[in-house]
PDB file of all heavy atoms in Angstrom:
ATOM      1  N   LEU A   1       0.871  -1.200   0.029  1.00  0.00           N
ATOM      2  CA  LEU A   1       0.036  -0.034   0.007  1.00  0.00           C
ATOM      3  C   LEU A   1       0.910   1.300  -0.038  1.00  0.00           C
ATOM      4  O   LEU A   1       2.097   1.104   0.080  1.00  0.00           O
ATOM      5  CB  LEU A   1      -0.859   0.039   1.270  1.00  0.00           C
ATOM      6  CG  LEU A   1      -1.805  -1.139   1.480  1.00  0.00           C
ATOM      7  CD1 LEU A   1      -2.515  -1.106   2.852  1.00  0.00           C
ATOM      8  CD2 LEU A   1      -2.866  -1.176   0.325  1.00  0.00           C
ATOM      9  N   THR A   2       0.240   2.377  -0.114  1.00  0.00           N
ATOM     10  CA  THR A   2       1.003   3.665   0.119  1.00  0.00           C
ATOM     11  C   THR A   2       0.977   4.109   1.561  1.00  0.00           C
ATOM     12  O   THR A   2       0.032   3.665   2.336  1.00  0.00           O
ATOM     13  CB  THR A   2       0.402   4.796  -0.767  1.00  0.00           C
ATOM     14  OG1 THR A   2      -0.980   5.117  -0.336  1.00  0.00           O
ATOM     15  CG2 THR A   2       0.323   4.419  -2.214  1.00  0.00           C
ATOM     16  N   THR A   3       1.851   4.802   1.967  1.00  0.00           N
ATOM     17  CA  THR A   3       1.920   5.330   3.337  1.00  0.00           C
ATOM     18  C   THR A   3       0.652   6.234   3.647  1.00  0.00           C
ATOM     19  O   THR A   3       0.083   6.071   4.741  1.00  0.00           O
ATOM     20  CB  THR A   3       3.114   6.207   3.603  1.00  0.00           C
ATOM     21  OG1 THR A   3       4.317   5.463   3.256  1.00  0.00           O
ATOM     22  CG2 THR A   3       3.238   6.688   5.128  1.00  0.00           C
ATOM     23  N   GLU A   4       0.155   6.870   2.606  1.00  0.00           N
ATOM     24  CA  GLU A   4      -1.016   7.690   2.844  1.00  0.00           C
ATOM     25  C   GLU A   4      -2.220   6.850   3.097  1.00  0.00           C
ATOM     26  O   GLU A   4      -3.104   7.193   3.943  1.00  0.00           O
ATOM     27  CB  GLU A   4      -1.298   8.566   1.566  1.00  0.00           C
ATOM     28  CG  GLU A   4      -0.274   9.708   1.401  1.00  0.00           C
ATOM     29  CD  GLU A   4       1.010   9.208   0.895  1.00  0.00           C
ATOM     30  OE1 GLU A   4       1.227   7.988   0.481  1.00  0.00           O
ATOM     31  OE2 GLU A   4       2.032   9.973   0.961  1.00  0.00           O
ATOM     32  N   THR A   5      -2.340   5.709   2.409  1.00  0.00           N
ATOM     33  CA  THR A   5      -3.494   4.848   2.556  1.00  0.00           C
ATOM     34  C   THR A   5      -3.459   4.195   3.992  1.00  0.00           C
ATOM     35  O   THR A   5      -4.563   4.164   4.634  1.00  0.00           O
ATOM     36  CB  THR A   5      -3.451   3.691   1.509  1.00  0.00           C
ATOM     37  OG1 THR A   5      -3.556   4.254   0.216  1.00  0.00           O
ATOM     38  CG2 THR A   5      -4.538   2.598   1.752  1.00  0.00           C
ATOM     39  N   VAL A   6      -2.300   3.750   4.463  1.00  0.00           N
ATOM     40  CA  VAL A   6      -2.114   3.273   5.769  1.00  0.00           C
ATOM     41  C   VAL A   6      -2.575   4.336   6.854  1.00  0.00           C
ATOM     42  O   VAL A   6      -3.277   3.962   7.695  1.00  0.00           O
ATOM     43  CB  VAL A   6      -0.731   2.747   6.053  1.00  0.00           C
ATOM     44  CG1 VAL A   6      -0.504   2.401   7.530  1.00  0.00           C
ATOM     45  CG2 VAL A   6      -0.441   1.513   5.130  1.00  0.00           C
ATOM     46  N   SER A   7      -2.053   5.498   6.602  1.00  0.00           N
ATOM     47  CA  SER A   7      -2.452   6.531   7.621  1.00  0.00           C
ATOM     48  C   SER A   7      -3.977   6.789   7.567  1.00  0.00           C
ATOM     49  O   SER A   7      -4.558   7.026   8.668  1.00  0.00           O
ATOM     50  CB  SER A   7      -1.764   7.877   7.257  1.00  0.00           C
ATOM     51  OG  SER A   7      -0.292   7.684   7.433  1.00  0.00           O
ATOM     52  N   ARG A   8      -4.602   6.755   6.392  1.00  0.00           N
ATOM     53  CA  ARG A   8      -6.059   6.956   6.419  1.00  0.00           C
ATOM     54  C   ARG A   8      -6.795   5.850   7.134  1.00  0.00           C
ATOM     55  O   ARG A   8      -7.816   6.089   7.812  1.00  0.00           O
ATOM     56  CB  ARG A   8      -6.485   7.033   4.957  1.00  0.00           C
ATOM     57  CG  ARG A   8      -6.256   8.361   4.163  1.00  0.00           C
ATOM     58  CD  ARG A   8      -7.132   8.546   2.975  1.00  0.00           C
ATOM     59  NE  ARG A   8      -6.801   7.554   1.960  1.00  0.00           N
ATOM     60  CZ  ARG A   8      -5.832   7.662   1.009  1.00  0.00           C
ATOM     61  NH1 ARG A   8      -5.141   8.815   1.018  1.00  0.00           N
ATOM     62  NH2 ARG A   8      -5.621   6.740   0.163  1.00  0.00           N
ATOM     63  N   VAL A   9      -6.280   4.627   6.932  1.00  0.00           N
ATOM     64  CA  VAL A   9      -6.983   3.525   7.584  1.00  0.00           C
ATOM     65  C   VAL A   9      -6.812   3.650   9.091  1.00  0.00           C
ATOM     66  O   VAL A   9      -7.816   3.467   9.932  1.00  0.00           O
ATOM     67  CB  VAL A   9      -6.436   2.146   7.138  1.00  0.00           C
ATOM     68  CG1 VAL A   9      -7.024   1.029   8.041  1.00  0.00           C
ATOM     69  CG2 VAL A   9      -6.754   1.890   5.666  1.00  0.00           C
ATOM     70  N   PHE A  10      -5.597   3.956   9.572  1.00  0.00           N
ATOM     71  CA  PHE A  10      -5.401   4.267  11.001  1.00  0.00           C
ATOM     72  C   PHE A  10      -6.417   5.263  11.512  1.00  0.00           C
ATOM     73  O   PHE A  10      -7.005   5.134  12.617  1.00  0.00           O
ATOM     74  CB  PHE A  10      -3.996   4.666  11.296  1.00  0.00           C
ATOM     75  CG  PHE A  10      -3.013   3.536  11.629  1.00  0.00           C
ATOM     76  CD1 PHE A  10      -2.530   2.717  10.580  1.00  0.00           C
ATOM     77  CD2 PHE A  10      -2.644   3.295  12.894  1.00  0.00           C
ATOM     78  CE1 PHE A  10      -1.629   1.733  10.836  1.00  0.00           C
ATOM     79  CE2 PHE A  10      -1.807   2.215  13.229  1.00  0.00           C
ATOM     80  CZ  PHE A  10      -1.278   1.500  12.219  1.00  0.00           C
ATOM     81  N   SER A  11      -6.479   6.399  10.831  1.00  0.00           N
ATOM     82  CA  SER A  11      -7.365   7.485  11.233  1.00  0.00           C
ATOM     83  C   SER A  11      -8.823   7.035  11.222  1.00  0.00           C
ATOM     84  O   SER A  11      -9.536   7.410  12.166  1.00  0.00           O
ATOM     85  CB  SER A  11      -7.166   8.683  10.276  1.00  0.00           C
ATOM     86  OG  SER A  11      -5.849   9.197  10.316  1.00  0.00           O
ATOM     87  N   SER A  12      -9.213   6.255  10.210  1.00  0.00           N
ATOM     88  CA  SER A  12     -10.534   5.825  10.203  1.00  0.00           C
ATOM     89  C   SER A  12     -10.892   4.870  11.329  1.00  0.00           C
ATOM     90  O   SER A  12     -11.968   5.001  12.051  1.00  0.00           O
ATOM     91  CB  SER A  12     -10.797   5.103   8.828  1.00  0.00           C
ATOM     92  OG  SER A  12     -12.047   4.494   8.803  1.00  0.00           O
ATOM     93  N   LEU A  13     -10.004   3.979  11.683  1.00  0.00           N
ATOM     94  CA  LEU A  13     -10.231   3.132  12.820  1.00  0.00           C
ATOM     95  C   LEU A  13     -10.286   3.868  14.098  1.00  0.00           C
ATOM     96  O   LEU A  13     -11.020   3.474  15.017  1.00  0.00           O
ATOM     97  CB  LEU A  13      -9.138   2.008  12.845  1.00  0.00           C
ATOM     98  CG  LEU A  13      -9.009   1.012  11.743  1.00  0.00           C
ATOM     99  CD1 LEU A  13      -7.790   0.209  11.753  1.00  0.00           C
ATOM    100  CD2 LEU A  13     -10.272   0.220  11.620  1.00  0.00           C
ATOM    101  N   ALA A  14      -9.473   4.833  14.225  1.00  0.00           N
ATOM    102  CA  ALA A  14      -9.495   5.740  15.478  1.00  0.00           C
ATOM    103  C   ALA A  14     -10.859   6.537  15.557  1.00  0.00           C
ATOM    104  O   ALA A  14     -11.371   6.664  16.699  1.00  0.00           O
ATOM    105  CB  ALA A  14      -8.273   6.690  15.341  1.00  0.00           C
ATOM    106  N   ARG A  15     -11.306   7.045  14.432  1.00  0.00           N
ATOM    107  CA  ARG A  15     -12.599   7.759  14.507  1.00  0.00           C
ATOM    108  C   ARG A  15     -13.657   6.915  14.888  1.00  0.00           C
ATOM    109  O   ARG A  15     -14.624   7.298  15.608  1.00  0.00           O
ATOM    110  CB  ARG A  15     -12.876   8.372  13.096  1.00  0.00           C
ATOM    111  CG  ARG A  15     -12.096   9.595  12.756  1.00  0.00           C
ATOM    112  CD  ARG A  15     -12.737  10.389  11.584  1.00  0.00           C
ATOM    113  NE  ARG A  15     -12.779   9.451  10.404  1.00  0.00           N
ATOM    114  CZ  ARG A  15     -11.929   9.339   9.521  1.00  0.00           C
ATOM    115  NH1 ARG A  15     -10.810  10.007   9.625  1.00  0.00           N
ATOM    116  NH2 ARG A  15     -12.036   8.568   8.436  1.00  0.00           N
ATOM    117  N   GLU A  16     -13.656   5.615  14.517  1.00  0.00           N
ATOM    118  CA  GLU A  16     -14.732   4.627  14.901  1.00  0.00           C
ATOM    119  C   GLU A  16     -14.457   4.008  16.228  1.00  0.00           C
ATOM    120  O   GLU A  16     -15.215   3.149  16.716  1.00  0.00           O
ATOM    121  CB  GLU A  16     -14.703   3.506  13.850  1.00  0.00           C
ATOM    122  CG  GLU A  16     -15.115   3.946  12.392  1.00  0.00           C
ATOM    123  CD  GLU A  16     -14.816   2.898  11.355  1.00  0.00           C
ATOM    124  OE1 GLU A  16     -15.095   1.690  11.706  1.00  0.00           O
ATOM    125  OE2 GLU A  16     -14.390   3.205  10.279  1.00  0.00           O
ATOM    126  N   LYS A  17     -13.418   4.577  16.940  1.00  0.00           N
ATOM    127  CA  LYS A  17     -13.057   4.117  18.304  1.00  0.00           C
ATOM    128  C   LYS A  17     -12.825   2.661  18.414  1.00  0.00           C
ATOM    129  O   LYS A  17     -13.041   2.010  19.470  1.00  0.00           O
ATOM    130  CB  LYS A  17     -14.264   4.527  19.209  1.00  0.00           C
ATOM    131  CG  LYS A  17     -14.461   6.087  19.271  1.00  0.00           C
ATOM    132  CD  LYS A  17     -15.457   6.428  20.359  1.00  0.00           C
ATOM    133  CE  LYS A  17     -15.789   7.879  20.401  1.00  0.00           C
ATOM    134  NZ  LYS A  17     -14.601   8.779  20.430  1.00  0.00           N
ATOM    135  N   LEU A  18     -12.236   2.104  17.340  1.00  0.00           N
ATOM    136  CA  LEU A  18     -11.863   0.690  17.371  1.00  0.00           C
ATOM    137  C   LEU A  18     -10.381   0.609  17.853  1.00  0.00           C
ATOM    138  O   LEU A  18     -10.013  -0.463  18.460  1.00  0.00           O
ATOM    139  CB  LEU A  18     -11.886   0.087  15.918  1.00  0.00           C
ATOM    140  CG  LEU A  18     -13.368  -0.073  15.452  1.00  0.00           C
ATOM    141  CD1 LEU A  18     -13.452  -0.408  13.969  1.00  0.00           C
ATOM    142  CD2 LEU A  18     -14.118  -1.140  16.266  1.00  0.00           C
ATOM    143  N   ILE A  19      -9.607   1.590  17.568  1.00  0.00           N
ATOM    144  CA  ILE A  19      -8.207   1.636  18.110  1.00  0.00           C
ATOM    145  C   ILE A  19      -8.035   3.086  18.611  1.00  0.00           C
ATOM    146  O   ILE A  19      -8.667   4.003  18.200  1.00  0.00           O
ATOM    147  CB  ILE A  19      -7.115   1.225  17.039  1.00  0.00           C
ATOM    148  CG1 ILE A  19      -7.146   2.302  15.977  1.00  0.00           C
ATOM    149  CG2 ILE A  19      -7.456  -0.158  16.496  1.00  0.00           C
ATOM    150  CD1 ILE A  19      -5.931   2.106  14.987  1.00  0.00           C
ATOM    151  N   SER A  20      -6.930   3.269  19.319  1.00  0.00           N
ATOM    152  CA  SER A  20      -6.371   4.630  19.486  1.00  0.00           C
ATOM    153  C   SER A  20      -4.780   4.457  19.475  1.00  0.00           C
ATOM    154  O   SER A  20      -4.263   3.389  19.713  1.00  0.00           O
ATOM    155  CB  SER A  20      -6.722   5.165  20.827  1.00  0.00           C
ATOM    156  OG  SER A  20      -6.340   4.247  21.948  1.00  0.00           O
ATOM    157  N   VAL A  21      -4.172   5.488  19.002  1.00  0.00           N
ATOM    158  CA  VAL A  21      -2.719   5.502  18.791  1.00  0.00           C
ATOM    159  C   VAL A  21      -2.078   6.362  19.839  1.00  0.00           C
ATOM    160  O   VAL A  21      -2.396   7.503  19.969  1.00  0.00           O
ATOM    161  CB  VAL A  21      -2.311   5.947  17.379  1.00  0.00           C
ATOM    162  CG1 VAL A  21      -0.837   5.852  17.214  1.00  0.00           C
ATOM    163  CG2 VAL A  21      -3.007   5.093  16.284  1.00  0.00           C
ATOM    164  N   GLY A  22      -1.150   5.737  20.578  1.00  0.00           N
ATOM    165  CA  GLY A  22      -0.453   6.450  21.709  1.00  0.00           C
ATOM    166  C   GLY A  22       0.922   6.849  21.320  1.00  0.00           C
ATOM    167  O   GLY A  22       1.341   6.846  20.138  1.00  0.00           O
ATOM    168  N   VAL A  23       1.708   7.178  22.291  1.00  0.00           N
ATOM    169  CA  VAL A  23       3.096   7.536  22.058  1.00  0.00           C
ATOM    170  C   VAL A  23       3.957   6.339  21.618  1.00  0.00           C
ATOM    171  O   VAL A  23       3.503   5.206  21.903  1.00  0.00           O
ATOM    172  CB  VAL A  23       3.727   8.245  23.344  1.00  0.00           C
ATOM    173  CG1 VAL A  23       2.948   9.520  23.644  1.00  0.00           C
ATOM    174  CG2 VAL A  23       3.737   7.279  24.511  1.00  0.00           C
ATOM    175  N   SER A  24       5.031   6.556  20.993  1.00  0.00           N
ATOM    176  CA  SER A  24       5.994   5.622  20.639  1.00  0.00           C
ATOM    177  C   SER A  24       5.314   4.447  19.735  1.00  0.00           C
ATOM    178  O   SER A  24       5.595   3.308  19.813  1.00  0.00           O
ATOM    179  CB  SER A  24       6.627   4.863  21.858  1.00  0.00           C
ATOM    180  OG  SER A  24       7.356   5.811  22.623  1.00  0.00           O
ATOM    181  N   ARG A  25       4.367   4.894  18.952  1.00  0.00           N
ATOM    182  CA  ARG A  25       3.703   4.054  17.963  1.00  0.00           C
ATOM    183  C   ARG A  25       2.842   2.931  18.623  1.00  0.00           C
ATOM    184  O   ARG A  25       2.653   1.843  18.072  1.00  0.00           O
ATOM    185  CB  ARG A  25       4.683   3.491  16.944  1.00  0.00           C
ATOM    186  CG  ARG A  25       5.535   4.453  16.149  1.00  0.00           C
ATOM    187  CD  ARG A  25       6.121   3.839  14.971  1.00  0.00           C
ATOM    188  NE  ARG A  25       7.001   4.715  14.248  1.00  0.00           N
ATOM    189  CZ  ARG A  25       8.395   4.582  14.365  1.00  0.00           C
ATOM    190  NH1 ARG A  25       8.893   3.608  15.015  1.00  0.00           N
ATOM    191  NH2 ARG A  25       9.072   5.478  13.750  1.00  0.00           N
ATOM    192  N   SER A  26       2.443   3.185  19.853  1.00  0.00           N
ATOM    193  CA  SER A  26       1.591   2.068  20.529  1.00  0.00           C
ATOM    194  C   SER A  26       0.180   2.208  19.957  1.00  0.00           C
ATOM    195  O   SER A  26      -0.342   3.280  19.647  1.00  0.00           O
ATOM    196  CB  SER A  26       1.643   2.371  22.079  1.00  0.00           C
ATOM    197  OG  SER A  26       1.047   3.618  22.353  1.00  0.00           O
ATOM    198  N   VAL A  27      -0.408   1.061  19.787  1.00  0.00           N
ATOM    199  CA  VAL A  27      -1.808   1.026  19.322  1.00  0.00           C
ATOM    200  C   VAL A  27      -2.575   0.261  20.397  1.00  0.00           C
ATOM    201  O   VAL A  27      -2.293  -0.908  20.717  1.00  0.00           O
ATOM    202  CB  VAL A  27      -1.861   0.206  17.974  1.00  0.00           C
ATOM    203  CG1 VAL A  27      -3.228   0.040  17.445  1.00  0.00           C
ATOM    204  CG2 VAL A  27      -1.019   1.039  16.871  1.00  0.00           C
ATOM    205  N   HIS A  28      -3.646   0.888  20.744  1.00  0.00           N
ATOM    206  CA  HIS A  28      -4.591   0.271  21.762  1.00  0.00           C
ATOM    207  C   HIS A  28      -5.796  -0.215  20.999  1.00  0.00           C
ATOM    208  O   HIS A  28      -6.378   0.520  20.281  1.00  0.00           O
ATOM    209  CB  HIS A  28      -5.013   1.331  22.807  1.00  0.00           C
ATOM    210  CG  HIS A  28      -3.790   1.885  23.611  1.00  0.00           C
ATOM    211  ND1 HIS A  28      -3.464   1.437  24.856  1.00  0.00           N
ATOM    212  CD2 HIS A  28      -2.867   2.804  23.272  1.00  0.00           C
ATOM    213  CE1 HIS A  28      -2.388   2.041  25.306  1.00  0.00           C
ATOM    214  NE2 HIS A  28      -2.090   2.930  24.369  1.00  0.00           N
ATOM    215  N   PHE A  29      -6.138  -1.472  21.278  1.00  0.00           N
ATOM    216  CA  PHE A  29      -7.334  -2.116  20.694  1.00  0.00           C
ATOM    217  C   PHE A  29      -8.534  -2.001  21.644  1.00  0.00           C
ATOM    218  O   PHE A  29      -8.477  -2.361  22.770  1.00  0.00           O
ATOM    219  CB  PHE A  29      -7.062  -3.585  20.418  1.00  0.00           C
ATOM    220  CG  PHE A  29      -5.902  -3.860  19.516  1.00  0.00           C
ATOM    221  CD1 PHE A  29      -4.663  -4.089  20.085  1.00  0.00           C
ATOM    222  CD2 PHE A  29      -6.046  -3.896  18.164  1.00  0.00           C
ATOM    223  CE1 PHE A  29      -3.534  -4.456  19.176  1.00  0.00           C
ATOM    224  CE2 PHE A  29      -5.011  -4.140  17.291  1.00  0.00           C
ATOM    225  CZ  PHE A  29      -3.718  -4.430  17.873  1.00  0.00           C
ATOM    226  N   HIS A  30      -9.644  -1.417  21.122  1.00  0.00           N
ATOM    227  CA  HIS A  30     -10.817  -1.214  21.929  1.00  0.00           C
ATOM    228  C   HIS A  30     -11.932  -2.262  21.674  1.00  0.00           C
ATOM    229  O   HIS A  30     -12.844  -2.332  22.508  1.00  0.00           O
ATOM    230  CB  HIS A  30     -11.379   0.145  21.792  1.00  0.00           C
ATOM    231  CG  HIS A  30     -10.413   1.285  22.094  1.00  0.00           C
ATOM    232  ND1 HIS A  30      -9.748   1.395  23.335  1.00  0.00           N
ATOM    233  CD2 HIS A  30      -9.816   2.235  21.383  1.00  0.00           C
ATOM    234  CE1 HIS A  30      -8.875   2.343  23.416  1.00  0.00           C
ATOM    235  NE2 HIS A  30      -8.974   2.987  22.185  1.00  0.00           N
ATOM    236  N   ASN A  31     -11.821  -2.944  20.522  1.00  0.00           N
ATOM    237  CA  ASN A  31     -12.877  -3.896  20.195  1.00  0.00           C
ATOM    238  C   ASN A  31     -12.237  -4.962  19.363  1.00  0.00           C
ATOM    239  O   ASN A  31     -12.355  -4.984  18.119  1.00  0.00           O
ATOM    240  CB  ASN A  31     -14.045  -3.243  19.414  1.00  0.00           C
ATOM    241  CG  ASN A  31     -15.225  -4.074  19.340  1.00  0.00           C
ATOM    242  OD1 ASN A  31     -15.138  -5.291  19.269  1.00  0.00           O
ATOM    243  ND2 ASN A  31     -16.481  -3.478  19.193  1.00  0.00           N
TER     244      ASN A  31
END
């Protein structure tokens, strides 16, 4: 994929509150 596509998916998942991204590239799973 492109970096932009990956960033859009991360942002979409975060908006849907499925994940949140913390410091040091940590990813928190909510569902």
